[in-house]
PDB file of all heavy atoms in Angstrom:
ATOM      1  N   LEU A   1     -10.928  -3.331  -3.694  1.00  0.00           N
ATOM      2  CA  LEU A   1     -10.300  -3.144  -2.371  1.00  0.00           C
ATOM      3  C   LEU A   1      -8.797  -3.383  -2.473  1.00  0.00           C
ATOM      4  O   LEU A   1      -7.997  -2.614  -1.921  1.00  0.00           O
ATOM      5  CB  LEU A   1     -10.919  -4.087  -1.351  1.00  0.00           C
ATOM      6  CG  LEU A   1     -10.262  -4.087   0.042  1.00  0.00           C
ATOM      7  CD1 LEU A   1     -10.332  -2.704   0.679  1.00  0.00           C
ATOM      8  CD2 LEU A   1     -10.927  -5.124   0.952  1.00  0.00           C
ATOM      9  N   ALA A   2      -8.400  -4.423  -3.178  1.00  0.00           N
ATOM     10  CA  ALA A   2      -6.969  -4.688  -3.366  1.00  0.00           C
ATOM     11  C   ALA A   2      -6.303  -3.540  -4.121  1.00  0.00           C
ATOM     12  O   ALA A   2      -5.182  -3.135  -3.789  1.00  0.00           O
ATOM     13  CB  ALA A   2      -6.779  -6.006  -4.118  1.00  0.00           C
ATOM     14  N   GLN A   3      -6.982  -2.996  -5.124  1.00  0.00           N
ATOM     15  CA  GLN A   3      -6.437  -1.860  -5.876  1.00  0.00           C
ATOM     16  C   GLN A   3      -6.326  -0.629  -4.980  1.00  0.00           C
ATOM     17  O   GLN A   3      -5.362   0.144  -5.085  1.00  0.00           O
ATOM     18  CB  GLN A   3      -7.321  -1.565  -7.079  1.00  0.00           C
ATOM     19  CG  GLN A   3      -7.289  -2.651  -8.145  1.00  0.00           C
ATOM     20  CD  GLN A   3      -8.308  -2.408  -9.246  1.00  0.00           C
ATOM     21  OE1 GLN A   3      -9.408  -1.880  -9.009  1.00  0.00           O
ATOM     22  NE2 GLN A   3      -7.961  -2.788 -10.472  1.00  0.00           N
ATOM     23  N   PHE A   4      -7.306  -0.438  -4.097  1.00  0.00           N
ATOM     24  CA  PHE A   4      -7.294   0.666  -3.134  1.00  0.00           C
ATOM     25  C   PHE A   4      -6.060   0.556  -2.235  1.00  0.00           C
ATOM     26  O   PHE A   4      -5.344   1.541  -2.014  1.00  0.00           O
ATOM     27  CB  PHE A   4      -8.573   0.624  -2.300  1.00  0.00           C
ATOM     28  CG  PHE A   4      -8.730   1.754  -1.318  1.00  0.00           C
ATOM     29  CD1 PHE A   4      -9.446   2.885  -1.656  1.00  0.00           C
ATOM     30  CD2 PHE A   4      -8.171   1.681  -0.047  1.00  0.00           C
ATOM     31  CE1 PHE A   4      -9.611   3.932  -0.755  1.00  0.00           C
ATOM     32  CE2 PHE A   4      -8.313   2.720   0.866  1.00  0.00           C
ATOM     33  CZ  PHE A   4      -9.043   3.852   0.505  1.00  0.00           C
ATOM     34  N   ILE A   5      -5.800  -0.642  -1.709  1.00  0.00           N
ATOM     35  CA  ILE A   5      -4.659  -0.856  -0.814  1.00  0.00           C
ATOM     36  C   ILE A   5      -3.341  -0.688  -1.555  1.00  0.00           C
ATOM     37  O   ILE A   5      -2.367  -0.132  -1.025  1.00  0.00           O
ATOM     38  CB  ILE A   5      -4.754  -2.248  -0.169  1.00  0.00           C
ATOM     39  CG1 ILE A   5      -6.001  -2.338   0.718  1.00  0.00           C
ATOM     40  CG2 ILE A   5      -3.497  -2.566   0.650  1.00  0.00           C
ATOM     41  CD1 ILE A   5      -6.329  -3.747   1.189  1.00  0.00           C
ATOM     42  N   ASP A   6      -3.303  -1.142  -2.800  1.00  0.00           N
ATOM     43  CA  ASP A   6      -2.051  -1.154  -3.562  1.00  0.00           C
ATOM     44  C   ASP A   6      -1.707   0.178  -4.208  1.00  0.00           C
ATOM     45  O   ASP A   6      -0.543   0.387  -4.602  1.00  0.00           O
ATOM     46  CB  ASP A   6      -2.110  -2.226  -4.653  1.00  0.00           C
ATOM     47  CG  ASP A   6      -1.926  -3.628  -4.103  1.00  0.00           C
ATOM     48  OD1 ASP A   6      -1.412  -3.763  -2.974  1.00  0.00           O
ATOM     49  OD2 ASP A   6      -2.288  -4.588  -4.804  1.00  0.00           O
ATOM     50  N   PHE A   7      -2.666   1.097  -4.324  1.00  0.00           N
ATOM     51  CA  PHE A   7      -2.394   2.334  -5.057  1.00  0.00           C
ATOM     52  C   PHE A   7      -1.159   3.092  -4.553  1.00  0.00           C
ATOM     53  O   PHE A   7      -0.325   3.531  -5.363  1.00  0.00           O
ATOM     54  CB  PHE A   7      -3.615   3.261  -5.046  1.00  0.00           C
ATOM     55  CG  PHE A   7      -3.319   4.626  -5.579  1.00  0.00           C
ATOM     56  CD1 PHE A   7      -3.038   4.823  -6.922  1.00  0.00           C
ATOM     57  CD2 PHE A   7      -3.269   5.733  -4.735  1.00  0.00           C
ATOM     58  CE1 PHE A   7      -2.730   6.082  -7.423  1.00  0.00           C
ATOM     59  CE2 PHE A   7      -2.966   6.994  -5.218  1.00  0.00           C
ATOM     60  CZ  PHE A   7      -2.694   7.172  -6.566  1.00  0.00           C
ATOM     61  N   PRO A   8      -0.974   3.269  -3.236  1.00  0.00           N
ATOM     62  CA  PRO A   8       0.219   4.013  -2.790  1.00  0.00           C
ATOM     63  C   PRO A   8       1.531   3.357  -3.216  1.00  0.00           C
ATOM     64  O   PRO A   8       2.537   4.044  -3.389  1.00  0.00           O
ATOM     65  CB  PRO A   8       0.077   4.032  -1.257  1.00  0.00           C
ATOM     66  CG  PRO A   8      -1.362   3.792  -1.004  1.00  0.00           C
ATOM     67  CD  PRO A   8      -1.828   2.895  -2.103  1.00  0.00           C
ATOM     68  N   HIS A   9       1.537   2.019  -3.374  1.00  0.00           N
ATOM     69  CA  HIS A   9       2.767   1.346  -3.783  1.00  0.00           C
ATOM     70  C   HIS A   9       3.201   1.823  -5.166  1.00  0.00           C
ATOM     71  O   HIS A   9       4.400   2.007  -5.424  1.00  0.00           O
ATOM     72  CB  HIS A   9       2.574  -0.170  -3.803  1.00  0.00           C
ATOM     73  CG  HIS A   9       1.996  -0.745  -2.551  1.00  0.00           C
ATOM     74  ND1 HIS A   9       2.151  -0.159  -1.317  1.00  0.00           N
ATOM     75  CD2 HIS A   9       1.245  -1.862  -2.327  1.00  0.00           C
ATOM     76  CE1 HIS A   9       1.537  -0.894  -0.398  1.00  0.00           C
ATOM     77  NE2 HIS A   9       0.979  -1.917  -0.991  1.00  0.00           N
ATOM     78  N   SER A  10       2.226   2.012  -6.027  1.00  0.00           N
ATOM     79  CA  SER A  10       2.544   2.509  -7.373  1.00  0.00           C
ATOM     80  C   SER A  10       2.914   3.984  -7.327  1.00  0.00           C
ATOM     81  O   SER A  10       3.862   4.423  -7.991  1.00  0.00           O
ATOM     82  CB  SER A  10       1.347   2.300  -8.307  1.00  0.00           C
ATOM     83  OG  SER A  10       1.004   0.932  -8.395  1.00  0.00           O
ATOM     84  N   LEU A  11       2.175   4.752  -6.526  1.00  0.00           N
ATOM     85  CA  LEU A  11       2.410   6.189  -6.429  1.00  0.00           C
ATOM     86  C   LEU A  11       3.828   6.488  -5.941  1.00  0.00           C
ATOM     87  O   LEU A  11       4.472   7.434  -6.410  1.00  0.00           O
ATOM     88  CB  LEU A  11       1.376   6.814  -5.485  1.00  0.00           C
ATOM     89  CG  LEU A  11       1.419   8.331  -5.305  1.00  0.00           C
ATOM     90  CD1 LEU A  11       1.084   9.042  -6.612  1.00  0.00           C
ATOM     91  CD2 LEU A  11       0.442   8.760  -4.204  1.00  0.00           C
ATOM     92  N   TYR A  12       4.317   5.686  -5.007  1.00  0.00           N
ATOM     93  CA  TYR A  12       5.612   5.958  -4.373  1.00  0.00           C
ATOM     94  C   TYR A  12       6.693   4.950  -4.771  1.00  0.00           C
ATOM     95  O   TYR A  12       7.684   4.799  -4.052  1.00  0.00           O
ATOM     96  CB  TYR A  12       5.445   5.952  -2.849  1.00  0.00           C
ATOM     97  CG  TYR A  12       4.627   7.109  -2.341  1.00  0.00           C
ATOM     98  CD1 TYR A  12       3.318   6.926  -1.908  1.00  0.00           C
ATOM     99  CD2 TYR A  12       5.154   8.395  -2.316  1.00  0.00           C
ATOM    100  CE1 TYR A  12       2.560   8.001  -1.448  1.00  0.00           C
ATOM    101  CE2 TYR A  12       4.411   9.466  -1.859  1.00  0.00           C
ATOM    102  CZ  TYR A  12       3.116   9.257  -1.424  1.00  0.00           C
ATOM    103  OH  TYR A  12       2.366  10.316  -0.975  1.00  0.00           O
ATOM    104  N   GLN A  13       6.534   4.315  -5.899  1.00  0.00           N
ATOM    105  CA  GLN A  13       7.469   3.251  -6.277  1.00  0.00           C
ATOM    106  C   GLN A  13       8.908   3.749  -6.436  1.00  0.00           C
ATOM    107  O   GLN A  13       9.857   2.971  -6.295  1.00  0.00           O
ATOM    108  CB  GLN A  13       6.998   2.579  -7.565  1.00  0.00           C
ATOM    109  CG  GLN A  13       6.897   3.489  -8.763  1.00  0.00           C
ATOM    110  CD  GLN A  13       6.355   2.762  -9.984  1.00  0.00           C
ATOM    111  OE1 GLN A  13       6.554   1.554 -10.127  1.00  0.00           O
ATOM    112  NE2 GLN A  13       5.653   3.464 -10.856  1.00  0.00           N
ATOM    113  N   ASN A  14       9.077   5.041  -6.676  1.00  0.00           N
ATOM    114  CA  ASN A  14      10.426   5.587  -6.843  1.00  0.00           C
ATOM    115  C   ASN A  14      10.876   6.437  -5.660  1.00  0.00           C
ATOM    116  O   ASN A  14      11.881   7.145  -5.746  1.00  0.00           O
ATOM    117  CB  ASN A  14      10.501   6.415  -8.132  1.00  0.00           C
ATOM    118  CG  ASN A  14      10.248   5.585  -9.372  1.00  0.00           C
ATOM    119  OD1 ASN A  14      10.737   4.463  -9.484  1.00  0.00           O
ATOM    120  ND2 ASN A  14       9.454   6.116 -10.297  1.00  0.00           N
ATOM    121  N   ASP A  15      10.127   6.360  -4.548  1.00  0.00           N
ATOM    122  CA  ASP A  15      10.443   7.145  -3.355  1.00  0.00           C
ATOM    123  C   ASP A  15      11.163   6.246  -2.353  1.00  0.00           C
ATOM    124  O   ASP A  15      10.571   5.312  -1.804  1.00  0.00           O
ATOM    125  CB  ASP A  15       9.156   7.713  -2.744  1.00  0.00           C
ATOM    126  CG  ASP A  15       9.406   8.729  -1.649  1.00  0.00           C
ATOM    127  OD1 ASP A  15      10.417   8.585  -0.931  1.00  0.00           O
ATOM    128  OD2 ASP A  15       8.587   9.655  -1.498  1.00  0.00           O
ATOM    129  N   LYS A  16      12.422   6.544  -2.087  1.00  0.00           N
ATOM    130  CA  LYS A  16      13.233   5.682  -1.210  1.00  0.00           C
ATOM    131  C   LYS A  16      12.771   5.711   0.238  1.00  0.00           C
ATOM    132  O   LYS A  16      13.148   4.829   1.031  1.00  0.00           O
ATOM    133  CB  LYS A  16      14.701   6.085  -1.289  1.00  0.00           C
ATOM    134  CG  LYS A  16      15.003   7.498  -0.803  1.00  0.00           C
ATOM    135  CD  LYS A  16      16.479   7.835  -0.947  1.00  0.00           C
ATOM    136  CE  LYS A  16      16.802   9.260  -0.521  1.00  0.00           C
ATOM    137  NZ  LYS A  16      16.536   9.522   0.883  1.00  0.00           N
ATOM    138  N   ASN A  17      11.946   6.679   0.623  1.00  0.00           N
ATOM    139  CA  ASN A  17      11.495   6.777   2.011  1.00  0.00           C
ATOM    140  C   ASN A  17      10.132   6.144   2.258  1.00  0.00           C
ATOM    141  O   ASN A  17       9.666   6.095   3.399  1.00  0.00           O
ATOM    142  CB  ASN A  17      11.439   8.244   2.439  1.00  0.00           C
ATOM    143  CG  ASN A  17      12.818   8.861   2.566  1.00  0.00           C
ATOM    144  OD1 ASN A  17      13.767   8.197   2.955  1.00  0.00           O
ATOM    145  ND2 ASN A  17      12.939  10.130   2.228  1.00  0.00           N
ATOM    146  N   TYR A  18       9.496   5.663   1.223  1.00  0.00           N
ATOM    147  CA  TYR A  18       8.156   5.086   1.368  1.00  0.00           C
ATOM    148  C   TYR A  18       8.226   3.689   1.966  1.00  0.00           C
ATOM    149  O   TYR A  18       9.049   2.860   1.569  1.00  0.00           O
ATOM    150  CB  TYR A  18       7.468   5.030   0.005  1.00  0.00           C
ATOM    151  CG  TYR A  18       6.162   4.271   0.018  1.00  0.00           C
ATOM    152  CD1 TYR A  18       5.044   4.775   0.682  1.00  0.00           C
ATOM    153  CD2 TYR A  18       6.049   3.033  -0.622  1.00  0.00           C
ATOM    154  CE1 TYR A  18       3.853   4.070   0.705  1.00  0.00           C
ATOM    155  CE2 TYR A  18       4.859   2.328  -0.610  1.00  0.00           C
ATOM    156  CZ  TYR A  18       3.763   2.846   0.061  1.00  0.00           C
ATOM    157  OH  TYR A  18       2.576   2.147   0.084  1.00  0.00           O
ATOM    158  N   VAL A  19       7.337   3.419   2.939  1.00  0.00           N
ATOM    159  CA  VAL A  19       7.234   2.100   3.557  1.00  0.00           C
ATOM    160  C   VAL A  19       5.820   1.571   3.322  1.00  0.00           C
ATOM    161  O   VAL A  19       4.853   2.164   3.803  1.00  0.00           O
ATOM    162  CB  VAL A  19       7.520   2.150   5.072  1.00  0.00           C
ATOM    163  CG1 VAL A  19       7.426   0.749   5.681  1.00  0.00           C
ATOM    164  CG2 VAL A  19       8.886   2.759   5.346  1.00  0.00           C
ATOM    165  N   PRO A  20       5.656   0.473   2.599  1.00  0.00           N
ATOM    166  CA  PRO A  20       4.307  -0.047   2.320  1.00  0.00           C
ATOM    167  C   PRO A  20       3.668  -0.656   3.558  1.00  0.00           C
ATOM    168  O   PRO A  20       4.335  -1.306   4.367  1.00  0.00           O
ATOM    169  CB  PRO A  20       4.552  -1.103   1.241  1.00  0.00           C
ATOM    170  CG  PRO A  20       5.963  -1.538   1.450  1.00  0.00           C
ATOM    171  CD  PRO A  20       6.707  -0.332   1.937  1.00  0.00           C
ATOM    172  N   GLU A  21       2.373  -0.429   3.707  1.00  0.00           N
ATOM    173  CA  GLU A  21       1.619  -1.098   4.766  1.00  0.00           C
ATOM    174  C   GLU A  21       1.504  -2.587   4.428  1.00  0.00           C
ATOM    175  O   GLU A  21       1.507  -2.987   3.261  1.00  0.00           O
ATOM    176  CB  GLU A  21       0.213  -0.500   4.875  1.00  0.00           C
ATOM    177  CG  GLU A  21       0.187   0.957   5.299  1.00  0.00           C
ATOM    178  CD  GLU A  21       0.249   1.131   6.798  1.00  0.00           C
ATOM    179  OE1 GLU A  21       0.506   0.130   7.507  1.00  0.00           O
ATOM    180  OE2 GLU A  21       0.032   2.264   7.268  1.00  0.00           O
ATOM    181  N   ILE A  22       1.395  -3.425   5.470  1.00  0.00           N
ATOM    182  CA  ILE A  22       1.211  -4.858   5.254  1.00  0.00           C
ATOM    183  C   ILE A  22      -0.173  -5.094   4.654  1.00  0.00           C
ATOM    184  O   ILE A  22      -1.189  -4.669   5.212  1.00  0.00           O
ATOM    185  CB  ILE A  22       1.370  -5.634   6.567  1.00  0.00           C
ATOM    186  CG1 ILE A  22       2.796  -5.460   7.111  1.00  0.00           C
ATOM    187  CG2 ILE A  22       1.052  -7.112   6.372  1.00  0.00           C
ATOM    188  CD1 ILE A  22       3.010  -6.058   8.483  1.00  0.00           C
ATOM    189  N   PHE A  23      -0.230  -5.773   3.531  1.00  0.00           N
ATOM    190  CA  PHE A  23      -1.474  -5.912   2.776  1.00  0.00           C
ATOM    191  C   PHE A  23      -2.578  -6.573   3.604  1.00  0.00           C
ATOM    192  O   PHE A  23      -3.703  -6.067   3.659  1.00  0.00           O
ATOM    193  CB  PHE A  23      -1.230  -6.723   1.494  1.00  0.00           C
ATOM    194  CG  PHE A  23      -2.479  -6.929   0.679  1.00  0.00           C
ATOM    195  CD1 PHE A  23      -2.903  -5.967  -0.225  1.00  0.00           C
ATOM    196  CD2 PHE A  23      -3.242  -8.079   0.823  1.00  0.00           C
ATOM    197  CE1 PHE A  23      -4.059  -6.141  -0.964  1.00  0.00           C
ATOM    198  CE2 PHE A  23      -4.408  -8.266   0.099  1.00  0.00           C
ATOM    199  CZ  PHE A  23      -4.804  -7.299  -0.806  1.00  0.00           C
ATOM    200  N   ILE A  24      -2.279  -7.687   4.247  1.00  0.00           N
ATOM    201  CA  ILE A  24      -3.343  -8.396   4.962  1.00  0.00           C
ATOM    202  C   ILE A  24      -3.862  -7.578   6.139  1.00  0.00           C
ATOM    203  O   ILE A  24      -5.051  -7.648   6.483  1.00  0.00           O
ATOM    204  CB  ILE A  24      -2.899  -9.798   5.424  1.00  0.00           C
ATOM    205  CG1 ILE A  24      -1.644  -9.722   6.296  1.00  0.00           C
ATOM    206  CG2 ILE A  24      -2.675 -10.704   4.231  1.00  0.00           C
ATOM    207  CD1 ILE A  24      -1.235 -11.075   6.880  1.00  0.00           C
ATOM    208  N   GLY A  25      -2.990  -6.777   6.743  1.00  0.00           N
ATOM    209  CA  GLY A  25      -3.428  -5.913   7.839  1.00  0.00           C
ATOM    210  C   GLY A  25      -4.380  -4.834   7.350  1.00  0.00           C
ATOM    211  O   GLY A  25      -5.404  -4.550   7.983  1.00  0.00           O
ATOM    212  N   GLN A  26      -4.040  -4.210   6.215  1.00  0.00           N
ATOM    213  CA  GLN A  26      -4.911  -3.182   5.635  1.00  0.00           C
ATOM    214  C   GLN A  26      -6.222  -3.791   5.155  1.00  0.00           C
ATOM    215  O   GLN A  26      -7.292  -3.202   5.325  1.00  0.00           O
ATOM    216  CB  GLN A  26      -4.193  -2.501   4.473  1.00  0.00           C
ATOM    217  CG  GLN A  26      -3.023  -1.634   4.897  1.00  0.00           C
ATOM    218  CD  GLN A  26      -3.461  -0.360   5.592  1.00  0.00           C
ATOM    219  OE1 GLN A  26      -3.888   0.594   4.956  1.00  0.00           O
ATOM    220  NE2 GLN A  26      -3.358  -0.339   6.905  1.00  0.00           N
ATOM    221  N   ARG A  27      -6.150  -4.959   4.562  1.00  0.00           N
ATOM    222  CA  ARG A  27      -7.375  -5.619   4.078  1.00  0.00           C
ATOM    223  C   ARG A  27      -8.341  -5.883   5.231  1.00  0.00           C
ATOM    224  O   ARG A  27      -9.538  -5.599   5.137  1.00  0.00           O
ATOM    225  CB  ARG A  27      -7.004  -6.941   3.390  1.00  0.00           C
ATOM    226  CG  ARG A  27      -8.191  -7.700   2.800  1.00  0.00           C
ATOM    227  CD  ARG A  27      -7.799  -9.138   2.515  1.00  0.00           C
ATOM    228  NE  ARG A  27      -7.426  -9.834   3.762  1.00  0.00           N
ATOM    229  CZ  ARG A  27      -6.748 -10.980   3.790  1.00  0.00           C
ATOM    230  NH1 ARG A  27      -6.321 -11.534   2.662  1.00  0.00           N
ATOM    231  NH2 ARG A  27      -6.467 -11.558   4.948  1.00  0.00           N
ATOM    232  N   ASP A  28      -7.824  -6.416   6.336  1.00  0.00           N
ATOM    233  CA  ASP A  28      -8.697  -6.702   7.472  1.00  0.00           C
ATOM    234  C   ASP A  28      -9.217  -5.415   8.109  1.00  0.00           C
ATOM    235  O   ASP A  28     -10.373  -5.351   8.549  1.00  0.00           O
ATOM    236  CB  ASP A  28      -7.949  -7.534   8.516  1.00  0.00           C
ATOM    237  CG  ASP A  28      -7.692  -8.956   8.050  1.00  0.00           C
ATOM    238  OD1 ASP A  28      -8.207  -9.331   6.977  1.00  0.00           O
ATOM    239  OD2 ASP A  28      -6.970  -9.691   8.753  1.00  0.00           O
ATOM    240  N   LEU A  29      -8.372  -4.380   8.169  1.00  0.00           N
ATOM    241  CA  LEU A  29      -8.785  -3.102   8.746  1.00  0.00           C
ATOM    242  C   LEU A  29      -9.950  -2.493   7.985  1.00  0.00           C
ATOM    243  O   LEU A  29     -10.794  -1.812   8.569  1.00  0.00           O
ATOM    244  CB  LEU A  29      -7.597  -2.135   8.752  1.00  0.00           C
ATOM    245  CG  LEU A  29      -7.828  -0.703   9.233  1.00  0.00           C
ATOM    246  CD1 LEU A  29      -8.320  -0.691  10.683  1.00  0.00           C
ATOM    247  CD2 LEU A  29      -6.547   0.119   9.103  1.00  0.00           C
ATOM    248  N   LEU A  30     -10.030  -2.749   6.681  1.00  0.00           N
ATOM    249  CA  LEU A  30     -11.025  -2.111   5.825  1.00  0.00           C
ATOM    250  C   LEU A  30     -12.194  -3.033   5.468  1.00  0.00           C
ATOM    251  O   LEU A  30     -13.033  -2.664   4.650  1.00  0.00           O
ATOM    252  CB  LEU A  30     -10.350  -1.622   4.540  1.00  0.00           C
ATOM    253  CG  LEU A  30      -9.317  -0.505   4.726  1.00  0.00           C
ATOM    254  CD1 LEU A  30      -8.527  -0.274   3.446  1.00  0.00           C
ATOM    255  CD2 LEU A  30      -9.997   0.783   5.180  1.00  0.00           C
TER     256      LEU A  30
END
């Protein structure tokens, strides 16, 4: 689940327009 939430952070690590979701919010949502 943590890897699922974190995947976009790696995918967009070089994209200046990417905004990461708050981890604890996504964890509780899922």
